[in-house]
C-alpha atoms as a PDB file:
ATOM      1  CA  MET A   1      74.030  16.802 -48.110  1.00  0.00           C
ATOM      2  CA  LEU A   2      71.536  17.226 -50.922  1.00  0.00           C
ATOM      3  CA  ARG A   3      69.285  14.654 -49.248  1.00  0.00           C
ATOM      4  CA  SER A   4      69.268  16.551 -45.944  1.00  0.00           C
ATOM      5  CA  ALA A   5      68.571  19.822 -47.740  1.00  0.00           C
ATOM      6  CA  ALA A   6      65.685  18.206 -49.644  1.00  0.00           C
ATOM      7  CA  SER A   7      64.215  16.742 -46.462  1.00  0.00           C
ATOM      8  CA  VAL A   8      64.483  20.101 -44.671  1.00  0.00           C
ATOM      9  CA  ALA A   9      62.768  21.835 -47.603  1.00  0.00           C
ATOM     10  CA  ALA A  10      60.019  19.227 -47.677  1.00  0.00           C
ATOM     11  CA  ARG A  11      59.488  19.557 -43.900  1.00  0.00           C
ATOM     12  CA  ARG A  12      59.184  23.354 -44.102  1.00  0.00           C
ATOM     13  CA  THR A  13      56.745  23.025 -46.992  1.00  0.00           C
ATOM     14  CA  LEU A  14      54.535  20.675 -44.956  1.00  0.00           C
ATOM     15  CA  LEU A  15      54.671  22.928 -41.893  1.00  0.00           C
ATOM     16  CA  ASN A  16      53.742  26.009 -43.913  1.00  0.00           C
ATOM     17  CA  SER A  17      50.946  24.165 -45.667  1.00  0.00           C
ATOM     18  CA  SER A  18      49.536  22.904 -42.339  1.00  0.00           C
ATOM     19  CA  LYS A  19      49.265  26.508 -41.111  1.00  0.00           C
ATOM     20  CA  GLY A  20      46.723  27.233 -43.816  1.00  0.00           C
ATOM     21  CA  THR A  21      44.436  24.308 -42.918  1.00  0.00           C
ATOM     22  CA  PRO A  22      40.900  25.565 -42.111  1.00  0.00           C
ATOM     23  CA  ALA A  23      39.625  25.066 -38.575  1.00  0.00           C
ATOM     24  CA  CYS A  24      36.479  23.211 -39.755  1.00  0.00           C
ATOM     25  CA  LEU A  25      38.632  20.219 -40.802  1.00  0.00           C
ATOM     26  CA  ALA A  26      39.679  19.618 -37.189  1.00  0.00           C
ATOM     27  CA  PRO A  27      36.460  19.803 -35.136  1.00  0.00           C
ATOM     28  CA  LYS A  28      36.583  19.861 -31.361  1.00  0.00           C
ATOM     29  CA  VAL A  29      33.757  18.568 -29.155  1.00  0.00           C
ATOM     30  CA  ASN A  30      33.314  19.587 -25.559  1.00  0.00           C
ATOM     31  CA  PHE A  31      32.192  16.609 -23.500  1.00  0.00           C
ATOM     32  CA  HIS A  32      31.836  18.539 -20.223  1.00  0.00           C
ATOM     33  CA  ALA A  33      28.150  19.315 -19.639  1.00  0.00           C
ATOM     34  CA  SER A  34      28.598  20.650 -16.127  1.00  0.00           C
ATOM     35  CA  SER A  35      29.294  24.277 -15.408  1.00  0.00           C
ATOM     36  CA  LYS A  36      32.884  25.495 -15.460  1.00  0.00           C
ATOM     37  CA  ARG A  37      34.722  26.097 -12.252  1.00  0.00           C
ATOM     38  CA  ASP A  38      35.435  29.545 -10.969  1.00  0.00           C
ATOM     39  CA  GLU A  39      39.114  29.245 -11.689  1.00  0.00           C
ATOM     40  CA  ASP A  40      38.313  28.119 -15.252  1.00  0.00           C
ATOM     41  CA  ALA A  41      36.026  31.090 -15.731  1.00  0.00           C
ATOM     42  CA  ALA A  42      38.711  33.521 -14.580  1.00  0.00           C
ATOM     43  CA  PRO A  43      40.005  35.774 -17.346  1.00  0.00           C
ATOM     44  CA  THR A  44      43.223  34.592 -18.932  1.00  0.00           C
ATOM     45  CA  PRO A  45      46.109  36.994 -19.495  1.00  0.00           C
ATOM     46  CA  ALA A  46      46.357  38.495 -22.941  1.00  0.00           C
ATOM     47  CA  ALA A  47      48.527  36.524 -25.329  1.00  0.00           C
ATOM     48  CA  PRO A  48      51.460  38.304 -26.980  1.00  0.00           C
ATOM     49  CA  ALA A  49      50.745  39.708 -30.396  1.00  0.00           C
ATOM     50  CA  PRO A  50      51.760  37.219 -33.124  1.00  0.00           C
ATOM     51  CA  THR A  51      54.538  38.188 -35.493  1.00  0.00           C
ATOM     52  CA  GLU A  52      53.496  38.972 -38.986  1.00  0.00           C
ATOM     53  CA  SER A  53      54.178  36.238 -41.527  1.00  0.00           C
ATOM     54  CA  LYS A  54      53.686  36.407 -45.239  1.00  0.00           C
ATOM     55  CA  GLY A  55      52.843  32.681 -45.400  1.00  0.00           C
ATOM     56  CA  GLY A  56      52.939  30.759 -48.629  1.00  0.00           C
ATOM     57  CA  LEU A  57      55.910  28.863 -49.967  1.00  0.00           C
ATOM     58  CA  PHE A  58      58.887  29.180 -47.594  1.00  0.00           C
ATOM     59  CA  GLY A  59      57.368  32.398 -46.175  1.00  0.00           C
ATOM     60  CA  THR A  60      57.717  34.185 -49.512  1.00  0.00           C
ATOM     61  CA  GLY A  61      54.009  34.850 -49.918  1.00  0.00           C
ATOM     62  CA  LEU A  62      53.824  32.642 -53.020  1.00  0.00           C
ATOM     63  CA  SER A  63      51.134  29.985 -53.308  1.00  0.00           C
ATOM     64  CA  GLU A  64      51.974  26.505 -52.072  1.00  0.00           C
ATOM     65  CA  TRP A  65      51.103  25.165 -55.520  1.00  0.00           C
ATOM     66  CA  TYR A  66      54.427  26.505 -56.796  1.00  0.00           C
ATOM     67  CA  ALA A  67      56.056  23.711 -54.827  1.00  0.00           C
ATOM     68  CA  LEU A  68      54.771  21.176 -57.350  1.00  0.00           C
ATOM     69  CA  PRO A  69      56.720  22.440 -60.448  1.00  0.00           C
ATOM     70  CA  ILE A  70      59.744  23.259 -58.292  1.00  0.00           C
ATOM     71  CA  GLY A  71      59.710  19.757 -56.866  1.00  0.00           C
ATOM     72  CA  MET A  72      59.380  18.199 -60.293  1.00  0.00           C
ATOM     73  CA  THR A  73      62.217  20.352 -61.596  1.00  0.00           C
ATOM     74  CA  LEU A  74      64.465  19.330 -58.742  1.00  0.00           C
ATOM     75  CA  ALA A  75      63.343  15.675 -58.819  1.00  0.00           C
ATOM     76  CA  VAL A  76      64.499  15.083 -62.431  1.00  0.00           C
ATOM     77  CA  PRO A  77      68.224  15.880 -61.876  1.00  0.00           C
ATOM     78  CA  ALA A  78      68.095  14.314 -58.390  1.00  0.00           C
ATOM     79  CA  ILE A  79      66.889  11.028 -59.820  1.00  0.00           C
ATOM     80  CA  LYS A  80      69.045  11.325 -62.971  1.00  0.00           C
ATOM     81  CA  LEU A  81      72.243  11.968 -60.993  1.00  0.00           C
ATOM     82  CA  ASP A  82      71.234   9.355 -58.321  1.00  0.00           C
ATOM     83  CA  TRP A  83      70.990  12.006 -55.644  1.00  0.00           C
ATOM     84  CA  TYR A  84      67.705  10.379 -54.648  1.00  0.00           C
ATOM     85  CA  VAL A  85      67.251   6.647 -55.335  1.00  0.00           C
ATOM     86  CA  VAL A  86      63.662   5.508 -56.038  1.00  0.00           C
ATOM     87  CA  ASN A  87      63.403   2.121 -54.324  1.00  0.00           C
ATOM     88  CA  GLU A  88      60.740   0.028 -52.525  1.00  0.00           C
ATOM     89  CA  GLU A  89      60.661   2.442 -49.570  1.00  0.00           C
ATOM     90  CA  THR A  90      59.714   5.293 -51.901  1.00  0.00           C
ATOM     91  CA  GLN A  91      57.008   3.196 -53.493  1.00  0.00           C
ATOM     92  CA  LEU A  92      55.632   2.196 -50.056  1.00  0.00           C
ATOM     93  CA  ALA A  93      55.670   5.834 -48.905  1.00  0.00           C
ATOM     94  CA  ALA A  94      53.888   6.906 -52.110  1.00  0.00           C
ATOM     95  CA  VAL A  95      51.227   4.234 -51.670  1.00  0.00           C
ATOM     96  CA  PHE A  96      50.755   5.240 -48.000  1.00  0.00           C
ATOM     97  CA  VAL A  97      50.469   8.931 -48.908  1.00  0.00           C
ATOM     98  CA  ALA A  98      47.997   8.078 -51.664  1.00  0.00           C
ATOM     99  CA  PHE A  99      45.978   6.018 -49.203  1.00  0.00           C
ATOM    100  CA  CYS A 100      45.952   8.846 -46.662  1.00  0.00           C
ATOM    101  CA  VAL A 101      44.912  11.389 -49.307  1.00  0.00           C
ATOM    102  CA  ALA A 102      42.137   9.091 -50.559  1.00  0.00           C
ATOM    103  CA  CYS A 103      40.846   8.504 -47.040  1.00  0.00           C
ATOM    104  CA  TYR A 104      40.974  12.211 -46.270  1.00  0.00           C
ATOM    105  CA  THR A 105      39.183  13.287 -49.446  1.00  0.00           C
ATOM    106  CA  GLN A 106      36.704  10.410 -49.824  1.00  0.00           C
ATOM    107  CA  GLY A 107      35.957   9.282 -46.276  1.00  0.00           C
ATOM    108  CA  GLY A 108      36.705  12.354 -44.219  1.00  0.00           C
ATOM    109  CA  ASP A 109      33.080  13.420 -43.946  1.00  0.00           C
ATOM    110  CA  ALA A 110      31.968   9.889 -43.006  1.00  0.00           C
ATOM    111  CA  LEU A 111      34.606   9.655 -40.266  1.00  0.00           C
ATOM    112  CA  TYR A 112      33.669  13.103 -39.027  1.00  0.00           C
ATOM    113  CA  ASN A 113      29.977  12.237 -38.908  1.00  0.00           C
ATOM    114  CA  THR A 114      30.695   8.953 -37.117  1.00  0.00           C
ATOM    115  CA  LEU A 115      32.849  10.564 -34.478  1.00  0.00           C
ATOM    116  CA  ASN A 116      30.454  13.483 -34.105  1.00  0.00           C
ATOM    117  CA  GLU A 117      27.487  11.145 -33.680  1.00  0.00           C
ATOM    118  CA  ARG A 118      29.398   9.184 -31.058  1.00  0.00           C
ATOM    119  CA  ALA A 119      30.291  12.418 -29.291  1.00  0.00           C
ATOM    120  CA  GLU A 120      26.680  13.592 -29.314  1.00  0.00           C
ATOM    121  CA  THR A 121      25.554  10.201 -27.966  1.00  0.00           C
ATOM    122  CA  LEU A 122      28.056  10.385 -25.128  1.00  0.00           C
ATOM    123  CA  LEU A 123      26.999  13.958 -24.381  1.00  0.00           C
ATOM    124  CA  LYS A 124      23.326  12.943 -24.324  1.00  0.00           C
ATOM    125  CA  GLU A 125      24.022  10.008 -21.983  1.00  0.00           C
ATOM    126  CA  HIS A 126      26.073  12.256 -19.751  1.00  0.00           C
ATOM    127  CA  ASN A 127      23.261  14.834 -19.611  1.00  0.00           C
ATOM    128  CA  GLU A 128      20.680  12.133 -18.816  1.00  0.00           C
ATOM    129  CA  ALA A 129      22.863  10.802 -16.000  1.00  0.00           C
ATOM    130  CA  GLU A 130      23.245  14.318 -14.619  1.00  0.00           C
ATOM    131  CA  ASP A 131      19.463  14.865 -14.841  1.00  0.00           C
ATOM    132  CA  LYS A 132      18.866  11.674 -12.854  1.00  0.00           C
ATOM    133  CA  VAL A 133      21.348  12.732 -10.225  1.00  0.00           C
ATOM    134  CA  ILE A 134      19.750  16.184 -10.001  1.00  0.00           C
ATOM    135  CA  ALA A 135      16.254  14.636  -9.709  1.00  0.00           C
ATOM    136  CA  ALA A 136      17.456  12.322  -6.927  1.00  0.00           C
ATOM    137  CA  LEU A 137      19.043  15.224  -5.063  1.00  0.00           C
ATOM    138  CA  GLU A 138      15.876  17.322  -5.434  1.00  0.00           C
ATOM    139  CA  GLN A 139      13.787  14.434  -4.109  1.00  0.00           C
ATOM    140  CA  LYS A 140      16.129  14.062  -1.152  1.00  0.00           C
ATOM    141  CA  LEU A 141      15.905  17.810  -0.536  1.00  0.00           C
ATOM    142  CA  ASP A 142      12.082  17.633  -0.526  1.00  0.00           C
ATOM    143  CA  PHE A 143      12.234  14.709   1.891  1.00  0.00           C
ATOM    144  CA  LEU A 144      14.538  16.613   4.228  1.00  0.00           C
ATOM    145  CA  LYS A 145      12.281  19.681   4.061  1.00  0.00           C
ATOM    146  CA  ALA A 146       9.252  17.520   4.847  1.00  0.00           C
ATOM    147  CA  ASN A 147      11.031  16.035   7.877  1.00  0.00           C
ATOM    148  CA  GLN A 148      11.790  19.411   9.399  1.00  0.00           C
ATOM    149  CA  ASN A 149       8.559  19.233  11.437  1.00  0.00           C
ATOM    150  CA  MET A 150       9.165  15.668  12.598  1.00  0.00           C
ATOM    151  CA  VAL A 151       9.764  16.733  16.196  1.00  0.00           C
ATOM    152  CA  ASN A 152       6.488  18.652  16.314  1.00  0.00           C
ATOM    153  CA  ASP A 153       4.660  15.702  14.775  1.00  0.00           C
ATOM    154  CA  PHE A 154       5.991  13.294  17.391  1.00  0.00           C
ATOM    155  CA  GLU A 155       5.128  15.726  20.173  1.00  0.00           C
ATOM    156  CA  ALA A 156       1.558  15.940  18.861  1.00  0.00           C
ATOM    157  CA  ILE A 157       1.390  12.139  18.650  1.00  0.00           C
ATOM    158  CA  ASN A 158       2.606  11.781  22.244  1.00  0.00           C
ATOM    159  CA  ALA A 159       0.079  14.354  23.458  1.00  0.00           C
ATOM    160  CA  LEU A 160      -2.717  12.546  21.635  1.00  0.00           C
ATOM    161  CA  ARG A 161      -1.545   9.229  23.101  1.00  0.00           C
ATOM    162  CA  GLU A 162      -1.615  10.615  26.643  1.00  0.00           C
ATOM    163  CA  GLU A 163      -5.097  12.024  26.100  1.00  0.00           C
ATOM    164  CA  SER A 164      -6.266   8.670  24.733  1.00  0.00           C
ATOM    165  CA  TYR A 165      -4.873   6.872  27.777  1.00  0.00           C
ATOM    166  CA  VAL A 166      -6.713   9.257  30.090  1.00  0.00           C
ATOM    167  CA  CYS A 167      -9.982   8.619  28.225  1.00  0.00           C
ATOM    168  CA  LEU A 168      -9.378   4.880  28.261  1.00  0.00           C
ATOM    169  CA  ASN A 169      -8.735   4.919  32.005  1.00  0.00           C
ATOM    170  CA  ALA A 170     -11.931   6.886  32.575  1.00  0.00           C
ATOM    171  CA  ALA A 171     -13.865   4.479  30.382  1.00  0.00           C
ATOM    172  CA  GLY A 172     -12.218   1.507  32.098  1.00  0.00           C
ATOM    173  CA  ALA A 173     -13.503   2.730  35.472  1.00  0.00           C
ATOM    174  CA  ILE A 174     -17.087   2.947  34.172  1.00  0.00           C
ATOM    175  CA  LYS A 175     -17.155  -0.092  31.890  1.00  0.00           C
ATOM    176  CA  PRO A 176     -17.302  -2.720  34.704  1.00  0.00           C
ATOM    177  CA  GLN A 177     -20.359  -0.979  36.093  1.00  0.00           C
ATOM    178  CA  HIS A 178     -22.099  -1.137  32.723  1.00  0.00           C
ATOM    179  CA  ASP A 179     -21.082  -4.779  32.359  1.00  0.00           C
ATOM    180  CA  PHE A 180     -22.406  -5.580  35.846  1.00  0.00           C
ATOM    181  CA  LYS A 181     -25.696  -3.822  35.067  1.00  0.00           C
ATOM    182  CA  ALA A 182     -26.056  -5.781  31.811  1.00  0.00           C
ATOM    183  CA  GLN A 183     -25.333  -9.047  33.657  1.00  0.00           C
ATOM    184  CA  VAL A 184     -27.932  -8.314  36.332  1.00  0.00           C
ATOM    185  CA  GLU A 185     -30.502  -7.469  33.653  1.00  0.00           C
ATOM    186  CA  ARG A 186     -29.648 -10.724  31.897  1.00  0.00           C
ATOM    187  CA  MET A 187     -30.242 -12.685  35.122  1.00  0.00           C
ATOM    188  CA  LEU A 188     -33.547 -10.919  35.818  1.00  0.00           C
ATOM    189  CA  ASN A 189     -34.754 -11.606  32.304  1.00  0.00           C
ATOM    190  CA  MET A 190     -33.809 -15.264  32.698  1.00  0.00           C
ATOM    191  CA  ILE A 191     -35.704 -15.462  35.998  1.00  0.00           C
ATOM    192  CA  ALA A 192     -38.786 -13.844  34.457  1.00  0.00           C
ATOM    193  CA  GLN A 193     -38.628 -16.162  31.468  1.00  0.00           C
ATOM    194  CA  GLU A 194     -38.193 -19.226  33.696  1.00  0.00           C
ATOM    195  CA  GLU A 195     -41.146 -18.189  35.896  1.00  0.00           C
ATOM    196  CA  ALA A 196     -43.286 -17.663  32.807  1.00  0.00           C
ATOM    197  CA  ASN A 197     -42.296 -21.124  31.523  1.00  0.00           C
ATOM    198  CA  VAL A 198     -43.093 -22.755  34.880  1.00  0.00           C
ATOM    199  CA  THR A 199     -46.451 -20.952  35.062  1.00  0.00           C
ATOM    200  CA  GLU A 200     -47.313 -22.007  31.532  1.00  0.00           C
ATOM    201  CA  LYS A 201     -46.362 -25.624  32.251  1.00  0.00           C
ATOM    202  CA  THR A 202     -48.445 -25.568  35.446  1.00  0.00           C
ATOM    203  CA  LYS A 203     -51.482 -24.232  33.562  1.00  0.00           C
ATOM    204  CA  ILE A 204     -51.137 -26.890  30.887  1.00  0.00           C
ATOM    205  CA  ALA A 205     -50.791 -29.649  33.516  1.00  0.00           C
ATOM    206  CA  ILE A 206     -53.863 -28.407  35.476  1.00  0.00           C
ATOM    207  CA  MET A 207     -55.954 -28.148  32.301  1.00  0.00           C
ATOM    208  CA  GLN A 208     -54.935 -31.625  31.224  1.00  0.00           C
ATOM    209  CA  GLU A 209     -55.782 -32.968  34.678  1.00  0.00           C
ATOM    210  CA  ALA A 210     -59.107 -31.096  34.740  1.00  0.00           C
ATOM    211  CA  THR A 211     -60.016 -32.331  31.260  1.00  0.00           C
ATOM    212  CA  ALA A 212     -59.260 -35.930  32.246  1.00  0.00           C
ATOM    213  CA  ALA A 213     -61.274 -35.656  35.502  1.00  0.00           C
ATOM    214  CA  VAL A 214     -64.311 -34.013  33.901  1.00  0.00           C
ATOM    215  CA  THR A 215     -64.243 -36.485  31.036  1.00  0.00           C
ATOM    216  CA  GLU A 216     -64.178 -39.374  33.480  1.00  0.00           C
ATOM    217  CA  LYS A 217     -67.146 -37.937  35.424  1.00  0.00           C
ATOM    218  CA  PHE A 218     -69.221 -37.503  32.305  1.00  0.00           C
ATOM    219  CA  THR A 219     -68.298 -40.995  31.206  1.00  0.00           C
ATOM    220  CA  THR A 220     -69.394 -42.611  34.488  1.00  0.00           C
ATOM    221  CA  SER A 221     -72.436 -40.416  35.371  1.00  0.00           C
ATOM    222  CA  LYS A 222     -75.640 -40.774  33.320  1.00  0.00           C
ATOM    223  CA  GLU A 223     -77.156 -37.704  34.965  1.00  0.00           C
ATOM    224  CA  LEU A 224     -74.298 -35.502  33.827  1.00  0.00           C
ATOM    225  CA  LYS A 225     -74.577 -36.927  30.338  1.00  0.00           C
ATOM    226  CA  LYS A 226     -78.336 -36.205  30.210  1.00  0.00           C
ATOM    227  CA  ALA A 227     -77.868 -32.683  31.645  1.00  0.00           C
ATOM    228  CA  ALA A 228     -75.102 -31.895  29.137  1.00  0.00           C
ATOM    229  CA  LEU A 229     -77.221 -33.227  26.254  1.00  0.00           C
ATOM    230  CA  ASP A 230     -80.289 -31.220  27.305  1.00  0.00           C
ATOM    231  CA  ALA A 231     -78.198 -28.058  27.669  1.00  0.00           C
ATOM    232  CA  ALA A 232     -76.689 -28.550  24.237  1.00  0.00           C
ATOM    233  CA  ILE A 233     -80.113 -29.103  22.601  1.00  0.00           C
ATOM    234  CA  ALA A 234     -81.541 -26.025  24.321  1.00  0.00           C
ATOM    235  CA  GLN A 235     -78.547 -24.037  23.226  1.00  0.00           C
ATOM    236  CA  ILE A 236     -79.042 -25.136  19.651  1.00  0.00           C
ATOM    237  CA  LYS A 237     -82.782 -24.436  19.708  1.00  0.00           C
ATOM    238  CA  GLY A 238     -82.281 -21.120  21.443  1.00  0.00           C
ATOM    239  CA  SER A 239     -84.663 -22.025  24.231  1.00  0.00           C
ATOM    240  CA  ALA A 240     -82.074 -21.928  26.974  1.00  0.00           C
ATOM    241  CA  LYS A 241     -83.149 -19.828  29.923  1.00  0.00           C
ATOM    242  CA  GLU A 242     -81.071 -17.004  31.321  1.00  0.00           C
ATOM    243  CA  GLY A 243     -78.910 -17.995  34.265  1.00  0.00           C
ATOM    244  CA  THR A 244     -78.768 -21.607  33.167  1.00  0.00           C
ATOM    245  CA  VAL A 245     -75.336 -23.036  34.000  1.00  0.00           C
ATOM    246  CA  ASP A 246     -73.587 -25.247  31.473  1.00  0.00           C
ATOM    247  CA  PRO A 247     -72.931 -28.649  33.127  1.00  0.00           C
ATOM    248  CA  VAL A 248     -69.475 -28.971  31.508  1.00  0.00           C
ATOM    249  CA  ARG A 249     -68.404 -25.528  32.637  1.00  0.00           C
ATOM    250  CA  ALA A 250     -69.791 -26.183  36.090  1.00  0.00           C
ATOM    251  CA  GLU A 251     -67.770 -29.395  36.394  1.00  0.00           C
ATOM    252  CA  PHE A 252     -64.577 -27.612  35.309  1.00  0.00           C
ATOM    253  CA  SER A 253     -65.247 -24.853  37.837  1.00  0.00           C
ATOM    254  CA  ASN A 254     -65.862 -27.366  40.608  1.00  0.00           C
ATOM    255  CA  PHE A 255     -62.641 -29.198  39.763  1.00  0.00           C
ATOM    256  CA  LEU A 256     -60.592 -25.999  39.796  1.00  0.00           C
ATOM    257  CA  LYS A 257     -62.097 -24.913  43.131  1.00  0.00           C
ATOM    258  CA  ALA A 258     -61.297 -28.302  44.636  1.00  0.00           C
ATOM    259  CA  LYS A 259     -57.761 -28.116  43.245  1.00  0.00           C
ATOM    260  CA  ALA A 260     -57.274 -24.660  44.745  1.00  0.00           C
ATOM    261  CA  GLU A 261     -58.552 -25.812  48.158  1.00  0.00           C
ATOM    262  CA  ALA A 262     -56.230 -28.812  48.063  1.00  0.00           C
ATOM    263  CA  ALA A 263     -53.267 -26.642  47.056  1.00  0.00           C
ATOM    264  CA  SER A 264     -53.961 -24.211  49.907  1.00  0.00           C
ATOM    265  CA  LYS A 265     -53.673 -27.045  52.430  1.00  0.00           C
ATOM    266  CA  ILE A 266     -50.258 -28.075  51.050  1.00  0.00           C
ATOM    267  CA  SER A 267     -47.228 -25.861  51.853  1.00  0.00           C
ATOM    268  CA  GLY A 268     -45.401 -26.586  48.546  1.00  0.00           C
ATOM    269  CA  ASP A 269     -41.993 -25.757  49.975  1.00  0.00           C
ATOM    270  CA  GLU A 270     -40.347 -28.870  48.612  1.00  0.00           C
ATOM    271  CA  GLU A 271     -41.557 -28.244  45.074  1.00  0.00           C
ATOM    272  CA  MET A 272     -40.547 -24.586  45.280  1.00  0.00           C
ATOM    273  CA  LEU A 273     -37.076 -25.495  46.556  1.00  0.00           C
ATOM    274  CA  ALA A 274     -36.627 -28.008  43.752  1.00  0.00           C
ATOM    275  CA  GLN A 275     -37.642 -25.423  41.127  1.00  0.00           C
ATOM    276  CA  ARG A 276     -35.335 -22.832  42.671  1.00  0.00           C
ATOM    277  CA  ALA A 277     -32.403 -25.246  42.754  1.00  0.00           C
ATOM    278  CA  ALA A 278     -32.923 -26.098  39.075  1.00  0.00           C
ATOM    279  CA  MET A 279     -33.162 -22.412  38.173  1.00  0.00           C
ATOM    280  CA  VAL A 280     -30.039 -21.517  40.203  1.00  0.00           C
ATOM    281  CA  ALA A 281     -28.027 -24.292  38.533  1.00  0.00           C
ATOM    282  CA  LYS A 282     -29.118 -23.144  35.094  1.00  0.00           C
ATOM    283  CA  MET A 283     -28.275 -19.482  35.797  1.00  0.00           C
ATOM    284  CA  ASN A 284     -24.890 -20.337  37.336  1.00  0.00           C
ATOM    285  CA  ALA A 285     -24.008 -22.318  34.207  1.00  0.00           C
ATOM    286  CA  VAL A 286     -24.813 -19.275  32.065  1.00  0.00           C
ATOM    287  CA  ALA A 287     -22.861 -16.972  34.413  1.00  0.00           C
ATOM    288  CA  LYS A 288     -19.810 -19.228  34.277  1.00  0.00           C
ATOM    289  CA  SER A 289     -19.848 -19.591  30.487  1.00  0.00           C
ATOM    290  CA  GLU A 290     -20.239 -15.837  29.900  1.00  0.00           C
ATOM    291  CA  GLY A 291     -17.820 -14.726  32.649  1.00  0.00           C
ATOM    292  CA  PHE A 292     -20.240 -12.880  34.968  1.00  0.00           C
ATOM    293  CA  PHE A 293     -18.897 -10.966  37.960  1.00  0.00           C
ATOM    294  CA  PHE A 294     -21.147 -12.899  40.382  1.00  0.00           C
ATOM    295  CA  GLU A 295     -22.893 -16.210  40.878  1.00  0.00           C
ATOM    296  CA  LEU A 296     -25.998 -17.329  42.767  1.00  0.00           C
ATOM    297  CA  GLY A 297     -25.838 -19.280  45.973  1.00  0.00           C
ATOM    298  CA  ALA A 298     -28.082 -22.177  46.995  1.00  0.00           C
ATOM    299  CA  ASP A 299     -30.436 -19.691  48.670  1.00  0.00           C
ATOM    300  CA  GLY A 300     -30.674 -17.644  45.424  1.00  0.00           C
ATOM    301  CA  LYS A 301     -28.616 -14.710  46.700  1.00  0.00           C
ATOM    302  CA  PRO A 302     -25.834 -13.362  44.432  1.00  0.00           C
ATOM    303  CA  THR A 303     -22.209 -13.409  45.599  1.00  0.00           C
ATOM    304  CA  MET A 304     -19.372 -11.524  43.898  1.00  0.00           C
ATOM    305  CA  LYS A 305     -16.424 -13.499  42.566  1.00  0.00           C
ATOM    306  CA  ALA A 306     -12.983 -12.903  43.993  1.00  0.00           C
END
C-alpha cells in the first residue's frame, strides 16, 4: 500500500513538473511549404476557459524543489523499514535517469541543432521542388498561350501555299517558251559558229593552194623571177613608177580570179549537202544531250519531239 501511494505521489510530481516545462525546449517545425487549404484557414471555435490551478508541488503552489527534501525524508524510513527495497532494478533505473538527464543537459542543444538543420534542409528541398514544378507549369502555360493562334497560322500558311501554286502554274506555262527560245538561240549560234569555221577553213585552204601555185610558177618561170627581182630593187631604191603592178600580187590575183571562174562553173551541191549533213548530225547530238524540245531533219528543218 505504501508502495502504491509512493508511486502515485511520484507520478503526480512528474506530471506537475512537466506542466512547467518551457515551450522552447520542445520546438515544432512546419514542413508544409504550400498554402493552407480553405478548411484549414477557417476559424476554429473558441476553446473553453481553462480552470485556474495554483501549480507547484501537488497543486499547493509550493516550488517543486520542496519535493527533494520531502522525498529524502520519506526515503529514509521507507528504506530502513524495508518499505522500498533498493535492488538492481533501482540501480538500473537510477543509471538510466542519470543518462537521460546528462543527455538532456549536455547534448540537448546539439540534438536540437541537428534536427533543426535536417528540418531546414528538407524544407529547402521541398521549396526547390515546388519552384521547379511552378516553373514547368508556367512554361506550359506560356506554350499553351502561344498556341492559341495556331489555327490562324495554319490558315495563313495554306493561303500562302495556294498563292505559291498559282504563281508556279503561271510560271510553268511561260517557262517552256523561254526554254524553247533559249534552245533556238543556241542552235542559231552554233550554225553561225559552224559557218564561220567553214569559211575560215576555206580561206586557209585557198590561200595555201594559191601560195603553192604562185610559188611553183615563180620557180619554173625565169621571166617572173626577173620581173619580181626588178620590182623589188625598184621598190628598195624608190624608183618604182606609179601604177606599176607587183608581179607577185598580180600572180595571186590571177590565181584567185581563175579559182572564182572555176568555182562558178561547178554547182557545189554535193559539198554543200555533205557540210549540211555533218552540221545537222552535230547539232542533233547537242540537242539530244541537252534535252531540246526539237531536232533537225535531214533537210535541216526543225521538228518538235512528241
